[in-house]
Amino acid sequence: MKETLFNEVEYTEEFATWAQHLIDQEPLIIPDIEMIRDTHPKEYKAYKRLDARSIVGVPFGQHPLGFMVA
């Protein structure tokens, strides 16, 4: 298995935005993570740890199972 920057268990509360977009079956687009620094500090901190600067996630599956992320 390839090494990853994700922790073995990521906390859902840190990714509440993702959960809501999955429920709504809408893509999640964050062109610059600095835009969410004050509004979603836990999510921002996780993106910084992952060395992400922008996020695109698209729900997949008939009843979304998860995200295809770039």
N, C-alpha and C. Protein backbone atom coordinates (compact mmCIF):
# COMPACT_ATOMS: atom_id res chain seq x y z
N MET A 1 0.84 -1.17 0.00
CA MET A 1 0.00 0.00 0.00
C MET A 1 0.89 1.24 0.00
N LYS A 2 0.52 2.22 -0.81
CA LYS A 2 1.30 3.44 -0.91
C LYS A 2 1.10 4.32 0.32
N GLU A 3 2.18 4.98 0.74
CA GLU A 3 2.10 5.89 1.88
C GLU A 3 1.21 7.07 1.52
N THR A 4 0.46 7.56 2.48
CA THR A 4 -0.46 8.67 2.27
C THR A 4 -0.31 9.70 3.37
N LEU A 5 -0.75 10.92 3.11
CA LEU A 5 -0.71 11.97 4.12
C LEU A 5 -1.92 11.94 5.04
N PHE A 6 -2.94 11.15 4.67
CA PHE A 6 -4.14 11.08 5.50
C PHE A 6 -3.87 10.27 6.76
N ASN A 7 -4.48 10.71 7.87
CA ASN A 7 -4.42 9.92 9.09
C ASN A 7 -5.26 8.68 8.88
N GLU A 8 -5.01 7.66 9.68
CA GLU A 8 -5.78 6.43 9.54
C GLU A 8 -7.27 6.70 9.70
N VAL A 9 -7.61 7.56 10.64
CA VAL A 9 -9.01 7.92 10.85
C VAL A 9 -9.09 9.45 10.81
N GLU A 10 -9.81 9.98 9.84
CA GLU A 10 -10.03 11.43 9.78
C GLU A 10 -11.37 11.71 10.44
N TYR A 11 -11.45 12.79 11.19
CA TYR A 11 -12.68 13.13 11.90
C TYR A 11 -13.66 13.83 10.99
N THR A 12 -14.92 13.40 11.02
CA THR A 12 -15.96 13.96 10.17
C THR A 12 -16.18 15.43 10.46
N GLU A 13 -16.09 15.84 11.72
CA GLU A 13 -16.34 17.24 12.06
C GLU A 13 -15.37 18.18 11.35
N GLU A 14 -14.17 17.70 11.05
CA GLU A 14 -13.21 18.52 10.33
C GLU A 14 -13.60 18.69 8.87
N PHE A 15 -14.43 17.80 8.38
CA PHE A 15 -14.82 17.82 6.97
C PHE A 15 -16.33 17.91 6.82
N ALA A 16 -16.96 18.75 7.65
CA ALA A 16 -18.42 18.92 7.60
C ALA A 16 -18.87 19.42 6.24
N THR A 17 -18.08 20.26 5.61
CA THR A 17 -18.41 20.76 4.27
C THR A 17 -18.53 19.60 3.29
N TRP A 18 -17.62 18.64 3.38
CA TRP A 18 -17.66 17.47 2.49
C TRP A 18 -18.92 16.65 2.72
N ALA A 19 -19.26 16.44 3.98
CA ALA A 19 -20.45 15.64 4.30
C ALA A 19 -21.70 16.29 3.72
N GLN A 20 -21.82 17.60 3.85
CA GLN A 20 -23.00 18.30 3.32
C GLN A 20 -23.05 18.22 1.80
N HIS A 21 -21.91 18.37 1.14
CA HIS A 21 -21.89 18.27 -0.31
C HIS A 21 -22.22 16.86 -0.79
N LEU A 22 -21.82 15.86 -0.02
CA LEU A 22 -22.16 14.48 -0.37
C LEU A 22 -23.66 14.26 -0.24
N ILE A 23 -24.25 14.75 0.84
CA ILE A 23 -25.70 14.64 1.03
C ILE A 23 -26.46 15.36 -0.08
N ASP A 24 -25.99 16.57 -0.43
CA ASP A 24 -26.65 17.37 -1.48
C ASP A 24 -26.27 16.93 -2.89
N GLN A 25 -25.33 16.00 -3.01
CA GLN A 25 -24.83 15.51 -4.30
C GLN A 25 -24.35 16.66 -5.18
N GLU A 26 -23.55 17.54 -4.59
CA GLU A 26 -22.99 18.69 -5.29
C GLU A 26 -21.47 18.63 -5.25
N PRO A 27 -20.81 19.09 -6.31
CA PRO A 27 -19.35 19.15 -6.28
C PRO A 27 -18.87 20.14 -5.23
N LEU A 28 -17.72 19.89 -4.68
CA LEU A 28 -17.09 20.79 -3.73
C LEU A 28 -15.89 21.41 -4.42
N ILE A 29 -15.88 22.73 -4.52
CA ILE A 29 -14.79 23.43 -5.19
C ILE A 29 -14.29 24.53 -4.26
N ILE A 30 -13.02 24.44 -3.90
CA ILE A 30 -12.37 25.47 -3.09
C ILE A 30 -11.14 25.90 -3.89
N PRO A 31 -11.25 27.02 -4.62
CA PRO A 31 -10.15 27.44 -5.49
C PRO A 31 -8.88 27.83 -4.72
N ASP A 32 -9.04 28.29 -3.48
CA ASP A 32 -7.91 28.68 -2.66
C ASP A 32 -8.29 28.43 -1.20
N ILE A 33 -7.57 27.55 -0.52
CA ILE A 33 -7.95 27.20 0.85
C ILE A 33 -7.89 28.40 1.79
N GLU A 34 -7.16 29.43 1.43
CA GLU A 34 -7.10 30.63 2.28
C GLU A 34 -8.49 31.25 2.43
N MET A 35 -9.39 31.00 1.48
CA MET A 35 -10.74 31.54 1.53
C MET A 35 -11.54 31.01 2.73
N ILE A 36 -11.15 29.83 3.25
CA ILE A 36 -11.92 29.21 4.34
C ILE A 36 -11.19 29.24 5.68
N ARG A 37 -10.08 29.94 5.74
CA ARG A 37 -9.26 29.96 6.96
C ARG A 37 -10.08 30.37 8.19
N ASP A 38 -10.88 31.41 8.08
CA ASP A 38 -11.64 31.91 9.23
C ASP A 38 -12.99 31.22 9.42
N THR A 39 -13.62 30.78 8.34
CA THR A 39 -14.95 30.18 8.44
C THR A 39 -14.92 28.70 8.79
N HIS A 40 -13.89 27.97 8.37
CA HIS A 40 -13.77 26.53 8.64
C HIS A 40 -12.33 26.21 9.08
N PRO A 41 -11.93 26.68 10.26
CA PRO A 41 -10.53 26.54 10.67
C PRO A 41 -10.02 25.10 10.78
N LYS A 42 -10.86 24.17 11.22
CA LYS A 42 -10.41 22.77 11.33
C LYS A 42 -10.16 22.17 9.95
N GLU A 43 -11.06 22.45 9.04
CA GLU A 43 -10.91 21.96 7.67
C GLU A 43 -9.67 22.59 7.03
N TYR A 44 -9.48 23.87 7.25
CA TYR A 44 -8.32 24.59 6.72
C TYR A 44 -7.03 23.95 7.24
N LYS A 45 -6.98 23.68 8.53
CA LYS A 45 -5.80 23.08 9.15
C LYS A 45 -5.50 21.71 8.52
N ALA A 46 -6.54 20.93 8.26
CA ALA A 46 -6.35 19.62 7.63
C ALA A 46 -5.79 19.77 6.22
N TYR A 47 -6.29 20.73 5.46
CA TYR A 47 -5.78 20.96 4.10
C TYR A 47 -4.32 21.40 4.13
N LYS A 48 -3.97 22.25 5.10
CA LYS A 48 -2.58 22.68 5.22
C LYS A 48 -1.69 21.47 5.52
N ARG A 49 -2.14 20.60 6.41
CA ARG A 49 -1.37 19.40 6.75
C ARG A 49 -1.17 18.51 5.53
N LEU A 50 -2.19 18.48 4.67
CA LEU A 50 -2.13 17.65 3.46
C LEU A 50 -1.40 18.36 2.32
N ASP A 51 -0.94 19.57 2.57
CA ASP A 51 -0.23 20.38 1.58
C ASP A 51 -1.10 20.64 0.34
N ALA A 52 -2.40 20.86 0.58
CA ALA A 52 -3.34 21.16 -0.50
C ALA A 52 -3.52 22.67 -0.58
N ARG A 53 -3.62 23.18 -1.78
CA ARG A 53 -3.82 24.62 -1.96
C ARG A 53 -5.20 24.92 -2.54
N SER A 54 -5.72 23.99 -3.31
CA SER A 54 -7.08 24.11 -3.84
C SER A 54 -7.68 22.71 -3.89
N ILE A 55 -9.02 22.64 -3.86
CA ILE A 55 -9.71 21.37 -3.73
C ILE A 55 -10.84 21.29 -4.76
N VAL A 56 -10.96 20.13 -5.40
CA VAL A 56 -12.12 19.82 -6.24
C VAL A 56 -12.54 18.40 -5.88
N GLY A 57 -13.79 18.24 -5.47
CA GLY A 57 -14.32 16.92 -5.15
C GLY A 57 -15.69 16.76 -5.78
N VAL A 58 -15.90 15.65 -6.48
CA VAL A 58 -17.17 15.38 -7.15
C VAL A 58 -17.75 14.08 -6.62
N PRO A 59 -18.98 14.13 -6.07
CA PRO A 59 -19.61 12.90 -5.59
C PRO A 59 -19.78 11.91 -6.73
N PHE A 60 -19.59 10.62 -6.44
CA PHE A 60 -19.81 9.61 -7.47
C PHE A 60 -20.74 8.53 -6.96
N GLY A 61 -21.39 7.86 -7.90
CA GLY A 61 -22.32 6.78 -7.58
C GLY A 61 -23.76 7.26 -7.64
N GLN A 62 -24.67 6.32 -7.87
CA GLN A 62 -26.09 6.66 -7.97
C GLN A 62 -26.59 7.29 -6.67
N HIS A 63 -26.22 6.69 -5.57
CA HIS A 63 -26.46 7.25 -4.24
C HIS A 63 -25.04 7.49 -3.73
N PRO A 64 -24.56 8.71 -3.81
CA PRO A 64 -23.13 8.97 -3.64
C PRO A 64 -22.46 8.16 -2.54
N LEU A 65 -21.38 7.51 -2.94
CA LEU A 65 -20.60 6.66 -2.03
C LEU A 65 -19.40 7.41 -1.49
N GLY A 66 -18.98 8.42 -2.22
CA GLY A 66 -17.78 9.14 -1.85
C GLY A 66 -17.47 10.19 -2.90
N PHE A 67 -16.24 10.67 -2.89
CA PHE A 67 -15.83 11.72 -3.81
C PHE A 67 -14.67 11.28 -4.67
N MET A 68 -14.66 11.75 -5.90
CA MET A 68 -13.49 11.69 -6.74
C MET A 68 -12.83 13.06 -6.53
N VAL A 69 -11.59 13.05 -6.07
CA VAL A 69 -10.95 14.29 -5.62
C VAL A 69 -9.69 14.57 -6.44
N ALA A 70 -9.52 15.86 -6.74
CA ALA A 70 -8.29 16.30 -7.41
C ALA A 70 -7.69 17.43 -6.60
